[in-house]
C-alpha atoms as a PDB file:
ATOM      1  CA  MET A   1       6.253 -32.811 -50.637  1.00  0.00           C
ATOM      2  CA  LYS A   2       6.670 -36.575 -50.815  1.00  0.00           C
ATOM      3  CA  ILE A   3       3.836 -39.051 -50.302  1.00  0.00           C
ATOM      4  CA  THR A   4       3.492 -42.816 -50.662  1.00  0.00           C
ATOM      5  CA  VAL A   5       0.677 -43.738 -53.032  1.00  0.00           C
ATOM      6  CA  ALA A   6      -0.871 -46.980 -54.261  1.00  0.00           C
ATOM      7  CA  ALA A   7      -2.786 -48.048 -57.354  1.00  0.00           C
ATOM      8  CA  ILE A   8      -4.812 -51.216 -56.925  1.00  0.00           C
ATOM      9  CA  GLN A   9      -5.543 -53.641 -59.762  1.00  0.00           C
ATOM     10  CA  MET A  10      -8.217 -56.194 -58.940  1.00  0.00           C
ATOM     11  CA  GLU A  11     -10.729 -58.629 -60.335  1.00  0.00           C
ATOM     12  CA  SER A  12     -14.230 -57.211 -60.053  1.00  0.00           C
ATOM     13  CA  LEU A  13     -17.127 -59.601 -60.659  1.00  0.00           C
ATOM     14  CA  ASN A  14     -20.639 -58.510 -61.599  1.00  0.00           C
ATOM     15  CA  GLY A  15     -23.262 -59.161 -58.939  1.00  0.00           C
ATOM     16  CA  ASP A  16     -20.609 -59.986 -56.317  1.00  0.00           C
ATOM     17  CA  TYR A  17     -20.359 -56.838 -54.220  1.00  0.00           C
ATOM     18  CA  GLU A  18     -19.306 -58.695 -51.069  1.00  0.00           C
ATOM     19  CA  GLY A  19     -16.680 -60.728 -52.916  1.00  0.00           C
ATOM     20  CA  ASN A  20     -15.353 -57.601 -54.601  1.00  0.00           C
ATOM     21  CA  ARG A  21     -15.216 -55.856 -51.258  1.00  0.00           C
ATOM     22  CA  LYS A  22     -13.233 -58.729 -49.739  1.00  0.00           C
ATOM     23  CA  ARG A  23     -10.731 -58.702 -52.611  1.00  0.00           C
ATOM     24  CA  ALA A  24     -10.394 -54.926 -52.450  1.00  0.00           C
ATOM     25  CA  GLY A  25     -10.002 -54.933 -48.676  1.00  0.00           C
ATOM     26  CA  GLU A  26      -7.072 -57.341 -48.783  1.00  0.00           C
ATOM     27  CA  LEU A  27      -5.291 -55.166 -51.336  1.00  0.00           C
ATOM     28  CA  ILE A  28      -6.005 -51.974 -49.387  1.00  0.00           C
ATOM     29  CA  ASN A  29      -4.464 -53.531 -46.272  1.00  0.00           C
ATOM     30  CA  ASP A  30      -1.444 -54.662 -48.294  1.00  0.00           C
ATOM     31  CA  ALA A  31      -0.920 -51.159 -49.689  1.00  0.00           C
ATOM     32  CA  ALA A  32      -1.347 -49.557 -46.264  1.00  0.00           C
ATOM     33  CA  LYS A  33       1.248 -51.905 -44.739  1.00  0.00           C
ATOM     34  CA  LYS A  34       3.687 -50.578 -47.344  1.00  0.00           C
ATOM     35  CA  GLY A  35       3.007 -47.039 -46.158  1.00  0.00           C
ATOM     36  CA  ALA A  36       0.482 -45.831 -48.737  1.00  0.00           C
ATOM     37  CA  ARG A  37      -1.524 -42.786 -47.643  1.00  0.00           C
ATOM     38  CA  LEU A  38      -3.364 -42.272 -50.943  1.00  0.00           C
ATOM     39  CA  ILE A  39      -4.903 -45.441 -52.406  1.00  0.00           C
ATOM     40  CA  ALA A  40      -6.828 -45.731 -55.676  1.00  0.00           C
ATOM     41  CA  LEU A  41      -9.242 -48.517 -56.547  1.00  0.00           C
ATOM     42  CA  PRO A  42     -10.568 -48.892 -60.110  1.00  0.00           C
ATOM     43  CA  GLU A  43     -13.781 -47.365 -61.406  1.00  0.00           C
ATOM     44  CA  PHE A  44     -16.772 -49.450 -60.232  1.00  0.00           C
ATOM     45  CA  ALA A  45     -14.391 -51.696 -58.267  1.00  0.00           C
ATOM     46  CA  LEU A  46     -17.187 -53.048 -56.090  1.00  0.00           C
ATOM     47  CA  ALA A  47     -20.254 -52.524 -58.293  1.00  0.00           C
ATOM     48  CA  GLY A  48     -18.980 -54.458 -61.309  1.00  0.00           C
ATOM     49  CA  TYR A  49     -19.280 -53.317 -64.907  1.00  0.00           C
ATOM     50  CA  ILE A  50     -21.816 -54.504 -67.477  1.00  0.00           C
ATOM     51  CA  TYR A  51     -23.858 -52.914 -70.258  1.00  0.00           C
ATOM     52  CA  ASP A  52     -27.181 -54.143 -68.934  1.00  0.00           C
ATOM     53  CA  ASP A  53     -30.030 -52.803 -66.804  1.00  0.00           C
ATOM     54  CA  GLU A  54     -28.878 -55.206 -64.091  1.00  0.00           C
ATOM     55  CA  ILE A  55     -26.234 -52.650 -63.161  1.00  0.00           C
ATOM     56  CA  TRP A  56     -28.940 -50.458 -61.584  1.00  0.00           C
ATOM     57  CA  LYS A  57     -29.260 -53.033 -58.799  1.00  0.00           C
ATOM     58  CA  GLU A  58     -25.803 -51.990 -57.590  1.00  0.00           C
ATOM     59  CA  ALA A  59     -26.711 -48.314 -57.221  1.00  0.00           C
ATOM     60  CA  GLU A  60     -26.376 -46.523 -53.896  1.00  0.00           C
ATOM     61  CA  PRO A  61     -26.580 -43.015 -52.457  1.00  0.00           C
ATOM     62  CA  LEU A  62     -23.462 -40.888 -52.262  1.00  0.00           C
ATOM     63  CA  MET A  63     -22.865 -41.637 -48.588  1.00  0.00           C
ATOM     64  CA  GLY A  64     -24.020 -45.242 -48.767  1.00  0.00           C
ATOM     65  CA  ARG A  65     -22.432 -48.613 -48.093  1.00  0.00           C
ATOM     66  CA  THR A  66     -19.235 -48.008 -50.064  1.00  0.00           C
ATOM     67  CA  TYR A  67     -18.546 -44.648 -48.410  1.00  0.00           C
ATOM     68  CA  ARG A  68     -19.021 -46.132 -44.944  1.00  0.00           C
ATOM     69  CA  TRP A  69     -16.846 -49.135 -45.735  1.00  0.00           C
ATOM     70  CA  LEU A  70     -14.001 -47.062 -47.164  1.00  0.00           C
ATOM     71  CA  SER A  71     -14.221 -44.632 -44.244  1.00  0.00           C
ATOM     72  CA  GLU A  72     -13.417 -47.453 -41.838  1.00  0.00           C
ATOM     73  CA  PHE A  73     -10.194 -48.205 -43.725  1.00  0.00           C
ATOM     74  CA  CYS A  74      -9.356 -44.494 -43.847  1.00  0.00           C
ATOM     75  CA  ASP A  75      -9.659 -44.223 -40.064  1.00  0.00           C
ATOM     76  CA  GLN A  76      -7.742 -47.453 -39.516  1.00  0.00           C
ATOM     77  CA  HIS A  77      -4.812 -46.552 -41.767  1.00  0.00           C
ATOM     78  CA  GLU A  78      -4.908 -42.721 -41.679  1.00  0.00           C
ATOM     79  CA  ALA A  79      -5.251 -42.921 -45.458  1.00  0.00           C
ATOM     80  CA  TYR A  80      -7.272 -41.440 -48.305  1.00  0.00           C
ATOM     81  CA  ILE A  81      -8.996 -43.993 -50.543  1.00  0.00           C
ATOM     82  CA  THR A  82     -10.972 -43.606 -53.766  1.00  0.00           C
ATOM     83  CA  THR A  83     -13.194 -45.581 -56.135  1.00  0.00           C
ATOM     84  CA  CYS A  84     -16.317 -44.975 -58.223  1.00  0.00           C
ATOM     85  CA  ILE A  85     -19.851 -45.942 -57.280  1.00  0.00           C
ATOM     86  CA  LEU A  86     -23.045 -46.035 -59.324  1.00  0.00           C
ATOM     87  CA  GLU A  87     -24.797 -43.196 -57.535  1.00  0.00           C
ATOM     88  CA  ARG A  88     -28.578 -42.916 -57.547  1.00  0.00           C
ATOM     89  CA  ASP A  89     -29.874 -39.363 -57.159  1.00  0.00           C
ATOM     90  CA  GLY A  90     -33.597 -38.833 -57.682  1.00  0.00           C
ATOM     91  CA  GLU A  91     -34.567 -40.374 -61.023  1.00  0.00           C
ATOM     92  CA  ASP A  92     -31.002 -40.519 -62.264  1.00  0.00           C
ATOM     93  CA  PHE A  93     -27.884 -42.655 -62.018  1.00  0.00           C
ATOM     94  CA  TYR A  94     -24.319 -41.314 -62.146  1.00  0.00           C
ATOM     95  CA  ASP A  95     -20.805 -42.730 -62.276  1.00  0.00           C
ATOM     96  CA  THR A  96     -19.443 -40.947 -59.206  1.00  0.00           C
ATOM     97  CA  LEU A  97     -15.890 -40.951 -57.899  1.00  0.00           C
ATOM     98  CA  ILE A  98     -15.697 -40.716 -54.123  1.00  0.00           C
ATOM     99  CA  LEU A  99     -12.501 -39.874 -52.259  1.00  0.00           C
ATOM    100  CA  CYS A 100     -12.802 -40.743 -48.581  1.00  0.00           C
ATOM    101  CA  GLY A 101     -10.528 -39.593 -45.783  1.00  0.00           C
ATOM    102  CA  PRO A 102     -10.130 -40.057 -42.019  1.00  0.00           C
ATOM    103  CA  GLY A 103     -12.895 -38.683 -39.840  1.00  0.00           C
ATOM    104  CA  GLY A 104     -15.621 -39.214 -42.436  1.00  0.00           C
ATOM    105  CA  LYS A 105     -14.151 -36.784 -44.973  1.00  0.00           C
ATOM    106  CA  LEU A 106     -15.663 -37.053 -48.442  1.00  0.00           C
ATOM    107  CA  TRP A 107     -14.988 -35.445 -51.805  1.00  0.00           C
ATOM    108  CA  SER A 108     -16.868 -36.439 -54.963  1.00  0.00           C
ATOM    109  CA  HIS A 109     -16.749 -35.991 -58.727  1.00  0.00           C
ATOM    110  CA  ARG A 110     -19.242 -37.252 -61.297  1.00  0.00           C
ATOM    111  CA  LYS A 111     -18.150 -38.547 -64.694  1.00  0.00           C
ATOM    112  CA  VAL A 112     -18.549 -35.682 -67.121  1.00  0.00           C
ATOM    113  CA  GLU A 113     -20.111 -37.807 -69.850  1.00  0.00           C
ATOM    114  CA  PRO A 114     -20.765 -41.525 -70.263  1.00  0.00           C
ATOM    115  CA  ALA A 115     -18.593 -43.412 -72.733  1.00  0.00           C
ATOM    116  CA  ALA A 116     -20.446 -45.012 -75.639  1.00  0.00           C
ATOM    117  CA  HIS A 117     -22.675 -47.821 -74.265  1.00  0.00           C
ATOM    118  CA  GLU A 118     -22.540 -46.373 -70.743  1.00  0.00           C
ATOM    119  CA  ALA A 119     -24.985 -43.690 -71.921  1.00  0.00           C
ATOM    120  CA  PHE A 120     -27.746 -46.303 -71.919  1.00  0.00           C
ATOM    121  CA  PHE A 121     -27.413 -46.719 -68.142  1.00  0.00           C
ATOM    122  CA  PHE A 122     -26.288 -43.484 -66.489  1.00  0.00           C
ATOM    123  CA  ARG A 123     -26.080 -39.834 -67.366  1.00  0.00           C
ATOM    124  CA  GLY A 124     -23.165 -37.471 -67.511  1.00  0.00           C
ATOM    125  CA  ALA A 125     -22.949 -34.631 -65.029  1.00  0.00           C
ATOM    126  CA  GLY A 126     -21.168 -32.162 -67.278  1.00  0.00           C
ATOM    127  CA  PRO A 127     -18.133 -30.245 -65.987  1.00  0.00           C
ATOM    128  CA  ASN A 128     -17.857 -30.442 -62.192  1.00  0.00           C
ATOM    129  CA  GLU A 129     -15.181 -30.162 -59.503  1.00  0.00           C
ATOM    130  CA  CYS A 130     -12.194 -32.354 -60.399  1.00  0.00           C
ATOM    131  CA  VAL A 131      -9.492 -31.053 -58.023  1.00  0.00           C
ATOM    132  CA  PHE A 132      -9.970 -31.491 -54.277  1.00  0.00           C
ATOM    133  CA  ASP A 133      -8.200 -29.475 -51.596  1.00  0.00           C
ATOM    134  CA  THR A 134      -7.291 -32.119 -49.013  1.00  0.00           C
ATOM    135  CA  PRO A 135      -4.951 -32.327 -46.003  1.00  0.00           C
ATOM    136  CA  ILE A 136      -2.462 -34.238 -48.196  1.00  0.00           C
ATOM    137  CA  GLY A 137      -2.538 -31.674 -51.010  1.00  0.00           C
ATOM    138  CA  LYS A 138      -4.551 -30.909 -54.129  1.00  0.00           C
ATOM    139  CA  VAL A 139      -5.815 -34.193 -55.559  1.00  0.00           C
ATOM    140  CA  GLY A 140      -7.004 -34.165 -59.170  1.00  0.00           C
ATOM    141  CA  VAL A 141      -9.281 -36.865 -60.569  1.00  0.00           C
ATOM    142  CA  VAL A 142     -10.409 -38.129 -63.975  1.00  0.00           C
ATOM    143  CA  ILE A 143     -12.698 -41.081 -64.701  1.00  0.00           C
ATOM    144  CA  CYS A 144     -11.757 -43.430 -67.557  1.00  0.00           C
ATOM    145  CA  PHE A 145     -12.861 -42.170 -71.010  1.00  0.00           C
ATOM    146  CA  ASP A 146     -13.101 -38.584 -69.763  1.00  0.00           C
ATOM    147  CA  THR A 147      -9.295 -38.624 -70.126  1.00  0.00           C
ATOM    148  CA  SER A 148      -9.703 -38.526 -73.894  1.00  0.00           C
ATOM    149  CA  LYS A 149     -11.543 -35.196 -73.945  1.00  0.00           C
ATOM    150  CA  THR A 150     -10.151 -31.682 -73.956  1.00  0.00           C
ATOM    151  CA  TYR A 151     -12.458 -30.547 -71.145  1.00  0.00           C
ATOM    152  CA  SER A 152     -10.557 -32.759 -68.677  1.00  0.00           C
ATOM    153  CA  ILE A 153      -7.058 -31.384 -69.291  1.00  0.00           C
ATOM    154  CA  LYS A 154      -8.505 -27.871 -69.477  1.00  0.00           C
ATOM    155  CA  SER A 155     -10.224 -28.166 -66.075  1.00  0.00           C
ATOM    156  CA  LEU A 156      -7.161 -29.732 -64.462  1.00  0.00           C
ATOM    157  CA  SER A 157      -4.833 -27.084 -65.861  1.00  0.00           C
ATOM    158  CA  VAL A 158      -6.754 -24.329 -64.054  1.00  0.00           C
ATOM    159  CA  LYS A 159      -6.234 -25.673 -60.504  1.00  0.00           C
ATOM    160  CA  ARG A 160      -2.953 -27.553 -61.045  1.00  0.00           C
ATOM    161  CA  PRO A 161      -3.312 -30.639 -58.820  1.00  0.00           C
ATOM    162  CA  ASP A 162      -0.340 -31.911 -56.805  1.00  0.00           C
ATOM    163  CA  VAL A 163      -1.184 -35.472 -57.823  1.00  0.00           C
ATOM    164  CA  LEU A 164      -3.649 -36.921 -60.347  1.00  0.00           C
ATOM    165  CA  LEU A 165      -5.771 -40.066 -60.013  1.00  0.00           C
ATOM    166  CA  ILE A 166      -7.163 -41.806 -63.118  1.00  0.00           C
ATOM    167  CA  LEU A 167      -9.703 -44.537 -62.374  1.00  0.00           C
ATOM    168  CA  TYR A 168     -10.508 -46.979 -65.165  1.00  0.00           C
ATOM    169  CA  SER A 169     -12.923 -49.804 -65.814  1.00  0.00           C
ATOM    170  CA  CYS A 170     -11.572 -50.181 -69.317  1.00  0.00           C
ATOM    171  CA  PRO A 171     -11.773 -53.367 -71.381  1.00  0.00           C
ATOM    172  CA  ALA A 172      -9.831 -53.992 -74.559  1.00  0.00           C
ATOM    173  CA  MET A 173     -11.764 -53.791 -77.813  1.00  0.00           C
ATOM    174  CA  PRO A 174     -13.320 -57.128 -78.831  1.00  0.00           C
ATOM    175  CA  GLY A 175     -11.694 -59.094 -81.619  1.00  0.00           C
ATOM    176  CA  PHE A 176     -14.286 -58.158 -84.244  1.00  0.00           C
ATOM    177  CA  PHE A 177     -12.939 -54.581 -84.332  1.00  0.00           C
ATOM    178  CA  PRO A 178     -10.189 -54.008 -86.939  1.00  0.00           C
ATOM    179  CA  ARG A 179      -6.758 -54.786 -85.550  1.00  0.00           C
ATOM    180  CA  ARG A 180      -5.260 -51.326 -86.055  1.00  0.00           C
ATOM    181  CA  TYR A 181      -8.034 -49.694 -84.038  1.00  0.00           C
ATOM    182  CA  ARG A 182      -7.694 -52.254 -81.272  1.00  0.00           C
ATOM    183  CA  GLN A 183      -3.965 -51.488 -81.122  1.00  0.00           C
ATOM    184  CA  ASN A 184      -4.580 -47.744 -81.107  1.00  0.00           C
ATOM    185  CA  TRP A 185      -6.969 -48.240 -78.183  1.00  0.00           C
ATOM    186  CA  LEU A 186      -4.301 -50.123 -76.214  1.00  0.00           C
ATOM    187  CA  ASP A 187      -1.535 -47.685 -77.096  1.00  0.00           C
ATOM    188  CA  THR A 188      -3.622 -44.685 -76.054  1.00  0.00           C
ATOM    189  CA  TYR A 189      -4.503 -46.327 -72.748  1.00  0.00           C
ATOM    190  CA  HIS A 190      -0.850 -47.174 -72.033  1.00  0.00           C
ATOM    191  CA  ASP A 191       0.363 -43.672 -72.907  1.00  0.00           C
ATOM    192  CA  ALA A 192      -2.344 -41.667 -71.103  1.00  0.00           C
ATOM    193  CA  PRO A 193      -0.719 -41.468 -67.617  1.00  0.00           C
ATOM    194  CA  ALA A 194       2.571 -40.158 -69.034  1.00  0.00           C
ATOM    195  CA  ILE A 195       0.752 -37.690 -71.304  1.00  0.00           C
ATOM    196  CA  PHE A 196      -1.136 -36.208 -68.370  1.00  0.00           C
ATOM    197  CA  ALA A 197       1.962 -36.211 -66.160  1.00  0.00           C
ATOM    198  CA  LYS A 198       4.060 -34.344 -68.707  1.00  0.00           C
ATOM    199  CA  ASN A 199       1.335 -31.810 -69.459  1.00  0.00           C
ATOM    200  CA  LEU A 200       0.455 -31.089 -65.829  1.00  0.00           C
ATOM    201  CA  HIS A 201       3.956 -31.686 -64.408  1.00  0.00           C
ATOM    202  CA  THR A 202       2.170 -33.892 -61.888  1.00  0.00           C
ATOM    203  CA  PRO A 203       2.591 -37.508 -60.691  1.00  0.00           C
ATOM    204  CA  VAL A 204      -0.203 -39.747 -61.982  1.00  0.00           C
ATOM    205  CA  ILE A 205      -1.721 -42.833 -60.355  1.00  0.00           C
ATOM    206  CA  SER A 206      -3.841 -44.891 -62.763  1.00  0.00           C
ATOM    207  CA  CYS A 207      -5.623 -48.150 -62.012  1.00  0.00           C
ATOM    208  CA  ASN A 208      -7.754 -50.637 -63.902  1.00  0.00           C
ATOM    209  CA  LYS A 209      -9.300 -54.038 -63.397  1.00  0.00           C
ATOM    210  CA  THR A 210      -7.945 -57.425 -64.404  1.00  0.00           C
ATOM    211  CA  GLY A 211      -9.805 -60.469 -65.696  1.00  0.00           C
ATOM    212  CA  ASP A 212     -12.476 -61.185 -68.287  1.00  0.00           C
ATOM    213  CA  PHE A 213     -15.078 -58.720 -69.535  1.00  0.00           C
ATOM    214  CA  LEU A 214     -18.289 -60.241 -70.895  1.00  0.00           C
ATOM    215  CA  SER A 215     -21.339 -58.090 -71.550  1.00  0.00           C
ATOM    216  CA  PRO A 216     -24.335 -57.729 -73.847  1.00  0.00           C
ATOM    217  CA  MET A 217     -23.828 -55.019 -76.445  1.00  0.00           C
ATOM    218  CA  PRO A 218     -26.726 -52.532 -76.596  1.00  0.00           C
ATOM    219  CA  MET A 219     -27.710 -51.978 -80.237  1.00  0.00           C
ATOM    220  CA  GLY A 220     -25.528 -54.974 -81.040  1.00  0.00           C
ATOM    221  CA  PHE A 221     -28.268 -57.256 -82.404  1.00  0.00           C
ATOM    222  CA  GLY A 222     -27.345 -60.044 -80.010  1.00  0.00           C
ATOM    223  CA  MET A 223     -23.586 -59.511 -80.184  1.00  0.00           C
ATOM    224  CA  GLN A 224     -21.540 -59.702 -77.006  1.00  0.00           C
ATOM    225  CA  TYR A 225     -18.452 -57.989 -75.765  1.00  0.00           C
ATOM    226  CA  ASN A 226     -16.104 -60.867 -74.986  1.00  0.00           C
ATOM    227  CA  THR A 227     -12.672 -59.581 -74.112  1.00  0.00           C
ATOM    228  CA  ARG A 228     -10.484 -58.729 -71.106  1.00  0.00           C
ATOM    229  CA  PHE A 229      -9.829 -55.636 -69.115  1.00  0.00           C
ATOM    230  CA  ILE A 230      -6.615 -53.851 -70.059  1.00  0.00           C
ATOM    231  CA  ASP A 231      -4.923 -55.051 -66.918  1.00  0.00           C
ATOM    232  CA  ARG A 232      -2.125 -52.545 -66.588  1.00  0.00           C
ATOM    233  CA  THR A 233      -1.980 -50.316 -63.530  1.00  0.00           C
ATOM    234  CA  SER A 234       0.786 -47.779 -63.043  1.00  0.00           C
ATOM    235  CA  ILE A 235       2.301 -44.894 -61.118  1.00  0.00           C
ATOM    236  CA  VAL A 236       4.407 -42.330 -63.002  1.00  0.00           C
ATOM    237  CA  ASP A 237       6.294 -39.282 -61.765  1.00  0.00           C
ATOM    238  CA  ASN A 238       5.741 -35.721 -62.936  1.00  0.00           C
ATOM    239  CA  ASN A 239       7.935 -36.371 -66.001  1.00  0.00           C
ATOM    240  CA  GLY A 240       5.976 -39.477 -66.989  1.00  0.00           C
ATOM    241  CA  THR A 241       8.708 -41.890 -65.838  1.00  0.00           C
ATOM    242  CA  MET A 242       7.368 -45.218 -64.594  1.00  0.00           C
ATOM    243  CA  LEU A 243       7.774 -45.721 -60.836  1.00  0.00           C
ATOM    244  CA  SER A 244       5.665 -48.842 -60.304  1.00  0.00           C
ATOM    245  CA  GLU A 245       3.305 -50.988 -62.357  1.00  0.00           C
ATOM    246  CA  ILE A 246       1.278 -54.196 -62.375  1.00  0.00           C
ATOM    247  CA  ASN A 247       0.454 -56.229 -65.474  1.00  0.00           C
ATOM    248  CA  GLY A 248      -1.851 -59.198 -65.860  1.00  0.00           C
ATOM    249  CA  SER A 249      -2.738 -59.951 -62.252  1.00  0.00           C
ATOM    250  CA  PRO A 250      -4.277 -58.477 -59.084  1.00  0.00           C
ATOM    251  CA  GLY A 251      -2.024 -56.445 -56.850  1.00  0.00           C
ATOM    252  CA  ALA A 252      -1.083 -53.056 -55.459  1.00  0.00           C
ATOM    253  CA  ALA A 253       1.511 -50.873 -57.165  1.00  0.00           C
ATOM    254  CA  VAL A 254       3.146 -48.693 -54.495  1.00  0.00           C
ATOM    255  CA  ALA A 255       5.578 -45.809 -54.937  1.00  0.00           C
ATOM    256  CA  ILE A 256       6.768 -42.605 -53.313  1.00  0.00           C
ATOM    257  CA  VAL A 257       5.905 -39.588 -55.448  1.00  0.00           C
ATOM    258  CA  GLU A 258       7.133 -36.046 -55.083  1.00  0.00           C
ATOM    259  CA  THR A 259       4.598 -33.334 -55.748  1.00  0.00           C
ATOM    260  CA  LYS A 260       5.638 -30.037 -57.294  1.00  0.00           C
ATOM    261  CA  SER A 261       4.202 -26.585 -56.800  1.00  0.00           C
ATOM    262  CA  ALA A 262       2.194 -24.886 -59.544  1.00  0.00           C
ATOM    263  CA  ALA A 263       5.111 -22.510 -60.055  1.00  0.00           C
ATOM    264  CA  ASP A 264       7.224 -25.411 -61.300  1.00  0.00           C
ATOM    265  CA  ALA A 265       4.749 -26.326 -64.024  1.00  0.00           C
ATOM    266  CA  VAL A 266       5.211 -25.271 -67.626  1.00  0.00           C
ATOM    267  CA  GLY A 267       2.396 -23.820 -69.676  1.00  0.00           C
ATOM    268  CA  ILE A 268      -0.129 -26.245 -71.125  1.00  0.00           C
ATOM    269  CA  LYS A 269      -1.238 -25.964 -74.730  1.00  0.00           C
ATOM    270  CA  ILE A 270      -4.905 -26.914 -74.708  1.00  0.00           C
ATOM    271  CA  PRO A 271      -6.144 -28.450 -77.987  1.00  0.00           C
ATOM    272  CA  SER A 272      -8.848 -26.462 -79.729  1.00  0.00           C
ATOM    273  CA  GLY A 273     -11.011 -29.473 -80.553  1.00  0.00           C
ATOM    274  CA  ARG A 274     -13.051 -31.890 -78.469  1.00  0.00           C
ATOM    275  CA  TRP A 275     -10.402 -34.630 -78.299  1.00  0.00           C
ATOM    276  CA  PHE A 276      -7.210 -34.573 -76.245  1.00  0.00           C
ATOM    277  CA  LEU A 277      -5.758 -38.090 -76.515  1.00  0.00           C
ATOM    278  CA  PRO A 278      -4.823 -39.556 -79.944  1.00  0.00           C
ATOM    279  CA  ILE A 279      -7.723 -41.995 -80.251  1.00  0.00           C
ATOM    280  CA  SER A 280      -8.416 -43.026 -83.858  1.00  0.00           C
ATOM    281  CA  HIS A 281     -11.059 -41.146 -85.831  1.00  0.00           C
ATOM    282  CA  TYR A 282     -12.871 -44.443 -86.367  1.00  0.00           C
ATOM    283  CA  THR A 283     -13.178 -45.024 -82.603  1.00  0.00           C
ATOM    284  CA  ARG A 284     -14.201 -41.423 -82.002  1.00  0.00           C
ATOM    285  CA  PHE A 285     -16.993 -41.714 -84.563  1.00  0.00           C
ATOM    286  CA  ILE A 286     -18.285 -45.074 -83.284  1.00  0.00           C
ATOM    287  CA  THR A 287     -18.297 -44.047 -79.607  1.00  0.00           C
ATOM    288  CA  GLU A 288     -20.029 -40.728 -80.349  1.00  0.00           C
ATOM    289  CA  ILE A 289     -22.810 -42.383 -82.374  1.00  0.00           C
ATOM    290  CA  ILE A 290     -23.445 -45.026 -79.712  1.00  0.00           C
ATOM    291  CA  GLN A 291     -23.429 -42.377 -77.000  1.00  0.00           C
ATOM    292  CA  ARG A 292     -26.101 -40.349 -78.794  1.00  0.00           C
ATOM    293  CA  PHE A 293     -28.415 -43.349 -79.098  1.00  0.00           C
ATOM    294  CA  GLY A 294     -27.717 -44.243 -75.472  1.00  0.00           C
ATOM    295  CA  LYS A 295     -28.652 -40.768 -74.240  1.00  0.00           C
ATOM    296  CA  ILE A 296     -31.988 -40.966 -76.069  1.00  0.00           C
ATOM    297  CA  ARG A 297     -32.756 -44.374 -74.629  1.00  0.00           C
ATOM    298  CA  TYR A 298     -31.770 -43.294 -71.119  1.00  0.00           C
ATOM    299  CA  ALA A 299     -33.828 -40.098 -71.248  1.00  0.00           C
ATOM    300  CA  THR A 300     -36.962 -41.867 -72.461  1.00  0.00           C
ATOM    301  CA  SER A 301     -36.609 -45.089 -70.468  1.00  0.00           C
ATOM    302  CA  GLN A 302     -39.557 -45.839 -68.247  1.00  0.00           C
ATOM    303  CA  LYS A 303     -37.651 -48.847 -66.941  1.00  0.00           C
ATOM    304  CA  ARG A 304     -34.890 -46.535 -65.721  1.00  0.00           C
ATOM    305  CA  ARG A 305     -37.405 -44.282 -63.969  1.00  0.00           C
ATOM    306  CA  MET A 306     -39.005 -47.304 -62.354  1.00  0.00           C
ATOM    307  CA  ALA A 307     -35.655 -48.662 -61.212  1.00  0.00           C
ATOM    308  CA  ALA A 308     -34.883 -45.320 -59.581  1.00  0.00           C
ATOM    309  CA  SER A 309     -38.320 -44.806 -58.037  1.00  0.00           C
ATOM    310  CA  GLN A 310     -38.459 -48.337 -56.621  1.00  0.00           C
ATOM    311  CA  PHE A 311     -34.917 -48.022 -55.353  1.00  0.00           C
ATOM    312  CA  VAL A 312     -34.610 -49.572 -51.926  1.00  0.00           C
ATOM    313  CA  GLY A 313     -30.909 -49.036 -52.123  1.00  0.00           C
ATOM    314  CA  HIS A 314     -27.717 -50.204 -50.589  1.00  0.00           C
ATOM    315  CA  ASP A 315     -27.629 -47.399 -48.103  1.00  0.00           C
END
């Protein structure tokens, strides 16, 4: 089966939901005019991305303002559109991917575990459904740093999606990290879509943000992340060959992909360890330590409980 897909790269500003929505809407319309029926927006495209308690102000219920807004585009263009929201559920916050379709259709997947500093602000859901049976085929999904872990490729290999979406809100490492680890981070990001495509024998649509990333650094003793998002968005075929990409600016990469049946796929050798992608041991160690401290802070945070209990919401 052939389907036209689109990966959107956009600037997403913190505290500017309406502005982000306007920018995203223009790019969605552009992709739809080019025939796209499956459109991916980056992780937290509308909510913004910052390592600060301010992010809780952008939380919403699963079927809140973003779901309703995307559903209108889905009905208008007969398309399926995805992004991630900061979902509030009870006393907790989650990074939740929502895939919306015509007629109010909704599929959702929560990030399995927060990456490093994210653990200070939302919790991981653990393994949960990552392949959706939709009218346009089996759509697999992975959120950002979950790509690096063995549990993601293992879960995807069971259901064999027809197409895979990878949604990023991924900045480059700041300049104070050693150069070789910063380069490894970039190389791993650039190679990830092709790695997944070759392993799953599945076309991959990956999207990220563009522009500056500036954020406080929890446990950083006043240090700031001051860098840029890795603004490369791409679509690769089931062999990992590049079909369309965007570098360094907003836009919509559009391509026709051909999905293959599970019978066409070769066997996947699942790594025995925790890590799937070749991220440096230094980065693995640093992110794991930060994540552990973040989980403790999140679990014991009265401020987090208050933010959730006083939630008036963007419903």
